[in-house]
Every structure is written in C-alpha cells, then in structure tokens.
PDB file of N, CA and C in Angstrom:
ATOM      1  N   MET A   1      32.845 -71.271  18.812  1.00  0.00           N
ATOM      2  CA  MET A   1      32.383 -72.233  18.624  1.00  0.00           C
ATOM      3  C   MET A   1      33.363 -72.272  16.993  1.00  0.00           C
ATOM      4  N   ARG A   2      33.893 -73.848  16.767  1.00  0.00           N
ATOM      5  CA  ARG A   2      34.501 -74.187  15.609  1.00  0.00           C
ATOM      6  C   ARG A   2      33.665 -74.898  14.547  1.00  0.00           C
ATOM      7  N   ARG A   3      33.607 -74.804  13.348  1.00  0.00           N
ATOM      8  CA  ARG A   3      33.271 -75.294  12.747  1.00  0.00           C
ATOM      9  C   ARG A   3      33.997 -76.348  11.847  1.00  0.00           C
ATOM     10  N   LEU A   4      33.548 -77.328  10.992  1.00  0.00           N
ATOM     11  CA  LEU A   4      34.246 -78.579  11.040  1.00  0.00           C
ATOM     12  C   LEU A   4      33.113 -78.646   9.563  1.00  0.00           C
ATOM     13  N   LYS A   5      34.616 -79.009   8.526  1.00  0.00           N
ATOM     14  CA  LYS A   5      33.985 -79.183   7.042  1.00  0.00           C
ATOM     15  C   LYS A   5      33.820 -80.954   6.973  1.00  0.00           C
ATOM     16  N   LEU A   6      33.005 -81.274   6.459  1.00  0.00           N
ATOM     17  CA  LEU A   6      32.778 -82.602   6.251  1.00  0.00           C
ATOM     18  C   LEU A   6      33.005 -83.368   4.685  1.00  0.00           C
ATOM     19  N   HIS A   7      33.940 -83.376   4.176  1.00  0.00           N
ATOM     20  CA  HIS A   7      33.868 -83.535   2.684  1.00  0.00           C
ATOM     21  C   HIS A   7      33.947 -85.059   2.419  1.00  0.00           C
ATOM     22  N   VAL A   8      32.601 -85.391   1.421  1.00  0.00           N
ATOM     23  CA  VAL A   8      32.223 -86.863   0.848  1.00  0.00           C
ATOM     24  C   VAL A   8      32.435 -87.211   0.005  1.00  0.00           C
ATOM     25  N   ASN A   9      33.640 -87.654  -0.492  1.00  0.00           N
ATOM     26  CA  ASN A   9      33.627 -87.845  -2.248  1.00  0.00           C
ATOM     27  C   ASN A   9      33.260 -89.658  -2.754  1.00  0.00           C
ATOM     28  N   LYS A  10      31.904 -89.659  -3.244  1.00  0.00           N
ATOM     29  CA  LYS A  10      30.906 -91.322  -3.553  1.00  0.00           C
ATOM     30  C   LYS A  10      30.845 -90.930  -5.033  1.00  0.00           C
ATOM     31  N   GLU A  11      31.619 -91.585  -5.531  1.00  0.00           N
ATOM     32  CA  GLU A  11      31.253 -91.336  -7.544  1.00  0.00           C
ATOM     33  C   GLU A  11      30.603 -92.325  -7.620  1.00  0.00           C
ATOM     34  N   VAL A  12      29.544 -92.262  -8.475  1.00  0.00           N
ATOM     35  CA  VAL A  12      28.690 -93.192  -8.455  1.00  0.00           C
ATOM     36  C   VAL A  12      28.726 -93.167 -10.431  1.00  0.00           C
ATOM     37  N   GLN A  13      28.795 -94.348 -10.900  1.00  0.00           N
ATOM     38  CA  GLN A  13      29.145 -93.926 -12.664  1.00  0.00           C
ATOM     39  C   GLN A  13      28.056 -95.206 -12.590  1.00  0.00           C
ATOM     40  N   ILE A  14      27.031 -94.345 -13.505  1.00  0.00           N
ATOM     41  CA  ILE A  14      25.499 -95.186 -13.762  1.00  0.00           C
ATOM     42  C   ILE A  14      25.667 -95.597 -15.186  1.00  0.00           C
ATOM     43  N   ALA A  15      26.389 -94.464 -16.211  1.00  0.00           N
ATOM     44  CA  ALA A  15      25.693 -95.094 -17.162  1.00  0.00           C
ATOM     45  C   ALA A  15      26.362 -96.428 -18.200  1.00  0.00           C
ATOM     46  N   GLY A  16      24.882 -97.718 -18.267  1.00  0.00           N
ATOM     47  CA  GLY A  16      25.640 -98.766 -18.662  1.00  0.00           C
ATOM     48  C   GLY A  16      25.324 -99.312 -17.300  1.00  0.00           C
ATOM     49  N   ARG A  17      24.943 -99.463 -16.895  1.00  0.00           N
ATOM     50  CA  ARG A  17      25.016-100.180 -15.258  1.00  0.00           C
ATOM     51  C   ARG A  17      23.999-100.615 -14.802  1.00  0.00           C
ATOM     52  N   MET A  18      22.721 -99.317 -14.897  1.00  0.00           N
ATOM     53  CA  MET A  18      21.714 -99.465 -14.379  1.00  0.00           C
ATOM     54  C   MET A  18      20.620 -99.157 -15.413  1.00  0.00           C
ATOM     55  N   GLN A  19      19.324 -99.353 -14.857  1.00  0.00           N
ATOM     56  CA  GLN A  19      17.939 -98.644 -15.565  1.00  0.00           C
ATOM     57  C   GLN A  19      17.850 -97.677 -15.290  1.00  0.00           C
ATOM     58  N   GLU A  20      17.295 -96.688 -15.360  1.00  0.00           N
ATOM     59  CA  GLU A  20      16.657 -95.147 -15.179  1.00  0.00           C
ATOM     60  C   GLU A  20      16.490 -95.311 -13.869  1.00  0.00           C
ATOM     61  N   ASP A  21      15.407 -96.108 -13.365  1.00  0.00           N
ATOM     62  CA  ASP A  21      14.344 -96.180 -12.250  1.00  0.00           C
ATOM     63  C   ASP A  21      15.433 -96.355 -11.023  1.00  0.00           C
ATOM     64  N   ASP A  22      16.651 -97.328 -11.271  1.00  0.00           N
ATOM     65  CA  ASP A  22      17.331 -97.998 -10.715  1.00  0.00           C
ATOM     66  C   ASP A  22      18.316 -96.728 -10.034  1.00  0.00           C
ATOM     67  N   ALA A  23      18.846 -96.051 -11.157  1.00  0.00           N
ATOM     68  CA  ALA A  23      20.101 -95.386 -10.740  1.00  0.00           C
ATOM     69  C   ALA A  23      19.204 -93.794 -10.715  1.00  0.00           C
ATOM     70  N   PHE A  24      17.837 -93.901 -10.395  1.00  0.00           N
ATOM     71  CA  PHE A  24      17.362 -92.618  -9.852  1.00  0.00           C
ATOM     72  C   PHE A  24      17.141 -93.141  -8.074  1.00  0.00           C
ATOM     73  N   GLU A  25      16.803 -94.411  -7.889  1.00  0.00           N
ATOM     74  CA  GLU A  25      16.302 -94.900  -6.759  1.00  0.00           C
ATOM     75  C   GLU A  25      17.900 -94.977  -5.854  1.00  0.00           C
ATOM     76  N   HIS A  26      19.359 -94.739  -6.822  1.00  0.00           N
ATOM     77  CA  HIS A  26      20.497 -94.800  -6.045  1.00  0.00           C
ATOM     78  C   HIS A  26      20.876 -93.620  -5.792  1.00  0.00           C
ATOM     79  N   CYS A  27      20.393 -92.474  -6.556  1.00  0.00           N
ATOM     80  CA  CYS A  27      20.979 -90.900  -6.465  1.00  0.00           C
ATOM     81  C   CYS A  27      19.884 -90.519  -5.081  1.00  0.00           C
ATOM     82  N   VAL A  28      18.989 -90.828  -5.072  1.00  0.00           N
ATOM     83  CA  VAL A  28      18.100 -90.168  -3.829  1.00  0.00           C
ATOM     84  C   VAL A  28      18.572 -90.178  -2.347  1.00  0.00           C
ATOM     85  N   PRO A  29      19.251 -91.279  -2.317  1.00  0.00           N
ATOM     86  CA  PRO A  29      19.669 -91.634  -0.588  1.00  0.00           C
ATOM     87  C   PRO A  29      20.944 -90.431  -0.854  1.00  0.00           C
ATOM     88  N   LEU A  30      21.862 -90.395  -1.946  1.00  0.00           N
ATOM     89  CA  LEU A  30      22.967 -89.108  -1.702  1.00  0.00           C
ATOM     90  C   LEU A  30      22.255 -87.829  -1.164  1.00  0.00           C
ATOM     91  N   ILE A  31      21.256 -87.653  -2.671  1.00  0.00           N
ATOM     92  CA  ILE A  31      20.650 -86.158  -1.876  1.00  0.00           C
ATOM     93  C   ILE A  31      19.973 -85.654  -0.839  1.00  0.00           C
ATOM     94  N   SER A  32      19.295 -86.866  -0.171  1.00  0.00           N
ATOM     95  CA  SER A  32      18.531 -86.977   0.923  1.00  0.00           C
ATOM     96  C   SER A  32      19.940 -86.442   2.139  1.00  0.00           C
ATOM     97  N   GLU A  33      21.266 -87.523   1.824  1.00  0.00           N
ATOM     98  CA  GLU A  33      22.495 -87.135   3.071  1.00  0.00           C
ATOM     99  C   GLU A  33      22.865 -86.552   2.721  1.00  0.00           C
ATOM    100  N   THR A  34      23.076 -85.307   1.529  1.00  0.00           N
ATOM    101  CA  THR A  34      23.264 -83.883   1.540  1.00  0.00           C
ATOM    102  C   THR A  34      22.654 -82.644   2.244  1.00  0.00           C
ATOM    103  N   ARG A  35      21.270 -83.140   2.031  1.00  0.00           N
ATOM    104  CA  ARG A  35      20.302 -82.179   2.335  1.00  0.00           C
ATOM    105  C   ARG A  35      20.659 -82.372   3.846  1.00  0.00           C
ATOM    106  N   ASN A  36      20.750 -83.476   4.595  1.00  0.00           N
ATOM    107  CA  ASN A  36      20.400 -83.621   6.241  1.00  0.00           C
ATOM    108  C   ASN A  36      21.733 -83.264   6.860  1.00  0.00           C
ATOM    109  N   HIS A  37      23.018 -82.615   5.710  1.00  0.00           N
ATOM    110  CA  HIS A  37      24.217 -82.454   6.495  1.00  0.00           C
ATOM    111  C   HIS A  37      24.211 -80.762   5.861  1.00  0.00           C
ATOM    112  N   ASN A  38      23.183 -80.605   5.675  1.00  0.00           N
ATOM    113  CA  ASN A  38      23.744 -78.952   4.901  1.00  0.00           C
ATOM    114  C   ASN A  38      24.704 -78.821   3.732  1.00  0.00           C
ATOM    115  N   GLY A  39      24.781 -80.231   2.894  1.00  0.00           N
ATOM    116  CA  GLY A  39      26.081 -79.951   2.110  1.00  0.00           C
ATOM    117  C   GLY A  39      25.757 -79.439   0.689  1.00  0.00           C
ATOM    118  N   GLU A  40      26.710 -79.528  -0.365  1.00  0.00           N
ATOM    119  CA  GLU A  40      26.511 -79.310  -1.546  1.00  0.00           C
ATOM    120  C   GLU A  40      26.835 -80.616  -2.419  1.00  0.00           C
ATOM    121  N   LEU A  41      26.000 -80.894  -2.813  1.00  0.00           N
ATOM    122  CA  LEU A  41      26.130 -81.864  -4.092  1.00  0.00           C
ATOM    123  C   LEU A  41      26.671 -81.279  -5.917  1.00  0.00           C
ATOM    124  N   VAL A  42      27.500 -82.034  -5.768  1.00  0.00           N
ATOM    125  CA  VAL A  42      28.014 -82.163  -7.340  1.00  0.00           C
ATOM    126  C   VAL A  42      27.947 -83.141  -8.185  1.00  0.00           C
ATOM    127  N   MET A  43      27.024 -83.007  -9.327  1.00  0.00           N
ATOM    128  CA  MET A  43      26.568 -84.111 -10.245  1.00  0.00           C
ATOM    129  C   MET A  43      27.685 -83.692 -11.365  1.00  0.00           C
ATOM    130  N   LEU A  44      28.302 -84.827 -12.034  1.00  0.00           N
ATOM    131  CA  LEU A  44      29.145 -84.537 -12.856  1.00  0.00           C
ATOM    132  C   LEU A  44      28.514 -85.490 -14.446  1.00  0.00           C
ATOM    133  N   TRP A  45      28.137 -84.067 -15.431  1.00  0.00           N
ATOM    134  CA  TRP A  45      27.630 -85.282 -16.275  1.00  0.00           C
ATOM    135  C   TRP A  45      28.190 -84.760 -18.028  1.00  0.00           C
ATOM    136  N   HIS A  46      28.709 -85.961 -18.525  1.00  0.00           N
ATOM    137  CA  HIS A  46      29.505 -85.471 -19.787  1.00  0.00           C
ATOM    138  C   HIS A  46      28.744 -85.471 -20.829  1.00  0.00           C
ATOM    139  N   ILE A  47      29.213 -84.548 -21.801  1.00  0.00           N
ATOM    140  CA  ILE A  47      27.680 -84.059 -22.563  1.00  0.00           C
ATOM    141  C   ILE A  47      27.003 -84.760 -23.379  1.00  0.00           C
ATOM    142  N   GLU A  48      28.419 -85.993 -23.920  1.00  0.00           N
ATOM    143  CA  GLU A  48      27.628 -86.892 -24.758  1.00  0.00           C
ATOM    144  C   GLU A  48      26.465 -87.921 -23.855  1.00  0.00           C
ATOM    145  N   GLU A  49      26.123 -87.877 -22.673  1.00  0.00           N
ATOM    146  CA  GLU A  49      25.182 -88.568 -22.273  1.00  0.00           C
ATOM    147  C   GLU A  49      23.989 -87.786 -22.496  1.00  0.00           C
ATOM    148  N   PHE A  50      23.948 -86.540 -23.304  1.00  0.00           N
ATOM    149  CA  PHE A  50      22.976 -86.111 -23.246  1.00  0.00           C
ATOM    150  C   PHE A  50      22.279 -85.795 -25.253  1.00  0.00           C
ATOM    151  N   VAL A  51      22.998 -86.477 -25.920  1.00  0.00           N
ATOM    152  CA  VAL A  51      23.374 -86.751 -27.053  1.00  0.00           C
ATOM    153  C   VAL A  51      21.693 -87.604 -27.517  1.00  0.00           C
ATOM    154  N   PRO A  52      20.640 -87.490 -28.463  1.00  0.00           N
ATOM    155  CA  PRO A  52      19.579 -87.788 -28.707  1.00  0.00           C
ATOM    156  C   PRO A  52      20.087 -89.703 -29.453  1.00  0.00           C
ATOM    157  N   ARG A  53      19.486 -90.501 -28.900  1.00  0.00           N
ATOM    158  CA  ARG A  53      19.780 -91.420 -29.099  1.00  0.00           C
ATOM    159  C   ARG A  53      18.798 -92.658 -28.544  1.00  0.00           C
ATOM    160  N   THR A  54      18.541 -93.743 -29.414  1.00  0.00           N
ATOM    161  CA  THR A  54      17.739 -94.647 -28.735  1.00  0.00           C
ATOM    162  C   THR A  54      18.471 -95.284 -27.209  1.00  0.00           C
ATOM    163  N   GLY A  55      16.922 -95.020 -26.375  1.00  0.00           N
ATOM    164  CA  GLY A  55      17.524 -95.732 -25.299  1.00  0.00           C
ATOM    165  C   GLY A  55      18.011 -95.061 -24.174  1.00  0.00           C
ATOM    166  N   ASN A  56      18.338 -94.081 -24.944  1.00  0.00           N
ATOM    167  CA  ASN A  56      19.400 -92.709 -23.836  1.00  0.00           C
ATOM    168  C   ASN A  56      18.232 -92.161 -22.569  1.00  0.00           C
ATOM    169  N   TYR A  57      18.374 -92.537 -21.539  1.00  0.00           N
ATOM    170  CA  TYR A  57      17.619 -91.509 -20.264  1.00  0.00           C
ATOM    171  C   TYR A  57      17.931 -90.598 -19.707  1.00  0.00           C
ATOM    172  N   HIS A  58      19.185 -90.383 -19.953  1.00  0.00           N
ATOM    173  CA  HIS A  58      20.219 -89.623 -19.376  1.00  0.00           C
ATOM    174  C   HIS A  58      19.374 -87.987 -18.826  1.00  0.00           C
ATOM    175  N   PRO A  59      18.649 -87.506 -20.241  1.00  0.00           N
ATOM    176  CA  PRO A  59      18.281 -86.451 -19.878  1.00  0.00           C
ATOM    177  C   PRO A  59      16.780 -86.368 -18.934  1.00  0.00           C
ATOM    178  N   ARG A  60      16.171 -87.676 -19.096  1.00  0.00           N
ATOM    179  CA  ARG A  60      15.462 -87.811 -18.521  1.00  0.00           C
ATOM    180  C   ARG A  60      15.625 -87.899 -16.853  1.00  0.00           C
ATOM    181  N   LEU A  61      16.770 -88.591 -16.303  1.00  0.00           N
ATOM    182  CA  LEU A  61      16.911 -88.669 -15.285  1.00  0.00           C
ATOM    183  C   LEU A  61      17.384 -87.384 -14.678  1.00  0.00           C
ATOM    184  N   TYR A  62      18.481 -86.660 -15.497  1.00  0.00           N
ATOM    185  CA  TYR A  62      18.643 -85.420 -14.963  1.00  0.00           C
ATOM    186  C   TYR A  62      17.819 -84.352 -14.383  1.00  0.00           C
ATOM    187  N   ARG A  63      16.545 -84.683 -15.092  1.00  0.00           N
ATOM    188  CA  ARG A  63      15.538 -83.724 -15.121  1.00  0.00           C
ATOM    189  C   ARG A  63      15.022 -84.199 -13.873  1.00  0.00           C
ATOM    190  N   ARG A  64      14.714 -85.458 -13.690  1.00  0.00           N
ATOM    191  CA  ARG A  64      14.135 -86.089 -12.192  1.00  0.00           C
ATOM    192  C   ARG A  64      14.645 -85.579 -11.386  1.00  0.00           C
ATOM    193  N   LEU A  65      16.078 -86.029 -10.785  1.00  0.00           N
ATOM    194  CA  LEU A  65      17.469 -85.445  -9.812  1.00  0.00           C
ATOM    195  C   LEU A  65      17.018 -84.255  -9.604  1.00  0.00           C
ATOM    196  N   LEU A  66      16.829 -83.016 -10.411  1.00  0.00           N
ATOM    197  CA  LEU A  66      16.945 -81.814 -10.382  1.00  0.00           C
ATOM    198  C   LEU A  66      15.715 -81.669  -9.747  1.00  0.00           C
ATOM    199  N   ALA A  67      14.375 -82.072 -10.119  1.00  0.00           N
ATOM    200  CA  ALA A  67      13.195 -81.955  -9.683  1.00  0.00           C
ATOM    201  C   ALA A  67      13.374 -82.352  -8.074  1.00  0.00           C
ATOM    202  N   GLU A  68      13.930 -83.546  -8.214  1.00  0.00           N
ATOM    203  CA  GLU A  68      14.078 -84.269  -6.347  1.00  0.00           C
ATOM    204  C   GLU A  68      15.079 -83.102  -5.736  1.00  0.00           C
ATOM    205  N   LEU A  69      15.606 -82.241  -6.247  1.00  0.00           N
ATOM    206  CA  LEU A  69      16.541 -81.031  -5.835  1.00  0.00           C
ATOM    207  C   LEU A  69      15.753 -80.040  -5.007  1.00  0.00           C
ATOM    208  N   GLY A  70      14.544 -79.853  -5.890  1.00  0.00           N
ATOM    209  CA  GLY A  70      13.719 -78.428  -5.626  1.00  0.00           C
ATOM    210  C   GLY A  70      13.651 -77.816  -6.967  1.00  0.00           C
ATOM    211  N   GLY A  71      14.757 -78.334  -7.733  1.00  0.00           N
ATOM    212  CA  GLY A  71      14.900 -77.165  -9.187  1.00  0.00           C
ATOM    213  C   GLY A  71      14.436 -77.057 -10.093  1.00  0.00           C
ATOM    214  N   CYS A  72      13.180 -77.639 -10.653  1.00  0.00           N
ATOM    215  CA  CYS A  72      12.564 -77.848 -11.306  1.00  0.00           C
ATOM    216  C   CYS A  72      11.557 -78.686 -11.598  1.00  0.00           C
ATOM    217  N   GLN A  73      10.430 -78.617 -12.115  1.00  0.00           N
ATOM    218  CA  GLN A  73       9.348 -79.261 -12.426  1.00  0.00           C
ATOM    219  C   GLN A  73       9.476 -80.676 -13.671  1.00  0.00           C
ATOM    220  N   VAL A  74       8.803 -81.530 -13.179  1.00  0.00           N
ATOM    221  CA  VAL A  74       8.943 -82.942 -14.093  1.00  0.00           C
ATOM    222  C   VAL A  74       7.779 -83.410 -14.511  1.00  0.00           C
ATOM    223  N   SER A  75       7.843 -83.355 -15.966  1.00  0.00           N
ATOM    224  CA  SER A  75       6.153 -83.697 -15.953  1.00  0.00           C
ATOM    225  C   SER A  75       5.567 -85.295 -16.286  1.00  0.00           C
ATOM    226  N   GLU A  76       4.364 -85.482 -15.888  1.00  0.00           N
ATOM    227  CA  GLU A  76       4.254 -86.901 -15.602  1.00  0.00           C
ATOM    228  C   GLU A  76       4.889 -88.200 -17.072  1.00  0.00           C
ATOM    229  N   GLU A  77       5.045 -87.291 -18.298  1.00  0.00           N
ATOM    230  CA  GLU A  77       5.559 -87.978 -19.246  1.00  0.00           C
ATOM    231  C   GLU A  77       7.153 -88.700 -19.331  1.00  0.00           C
ATOM    232  N   ASP A  78       7.685 -87.562 -18.727  1.00  0.00           N
ATOM    233  CA  ASP A  78       9.357 -87.635 -18.519  1.00  0.00           C
ATOM    234  C   ASP A  78       9.075 -88.807 -17.100  1.00  0.00           C
ATOM    235  N   ARG A  79       8.379 -89.018 -16.414  1.00  0.00           N
ATOM    236  CA  ARG A  79       8.460 -89.811 -15.309  1.00  0.00           C
ATOM    237  C   ARG A  79       7.923 -90.934 -15.034  1.00  0.00           C
ATOM    238  N   HIS A  80       7.406 -91.340 -16.408  1.00  0.00           N
ATOM    239  CA  HIS A  80       7.150 -92.432 -16.788  1.00  0.00           C
ATOM    240  C   HIS A  80       7.639 -92.762 -18.330  1.00  0.00           C
ATOM    241  N   SER A  81       8.304 -92.278 -18.901  1.00  0.00           N
ATOM    242  CA  SER A  81       8.464 -92.305 -20.091  1.00  0.00           C
ATOM    243  C   SER A  81       9.762 -93.227 -20.178  1.00  0.00           C
TER     244      SER A  81
END
C-alpha cells in the first residue's frame, strides 16, 4: 500500500481583524480538519503578540487553542475574560 501525503497551507492572519471569540471559532474547524486527517497543525505566533498591553487577547487565545488541541487546561477566567 502506498501512502500519500496531503499538504494544506492555509494562512490565517488574525491580528487586528477579529475579536477573540471570532478568531477562536475560525481556528477550531482548522484543528478539527487536521485531526480528521491525522495531520500536523503548525501555528506561527510572533513574539510581539505576547507583549502585555491593553486589549491584547492573543495570550488567552493561544491558551484556548492549546486546550482545544488537548494540550492544557484553560481556566474559566481565561475563557470568559
């Protein structure tokens, strides 16, 4: 049996364009599709997205996406803050 590799390159630029919940809901289907095909998901985060500043939701979004992937626990505060 021959195995074929499927490569999907879908770039999602979230910064400044979506609210946190919209960004999360946009990423969940990508995670699901990757899981369905037993694939590898690569997320690129620029370090400046984690600089503490007012209104910066990227650290929370990152933790929520890790939880969706099964990689960590997300507190209720992070889910709703």
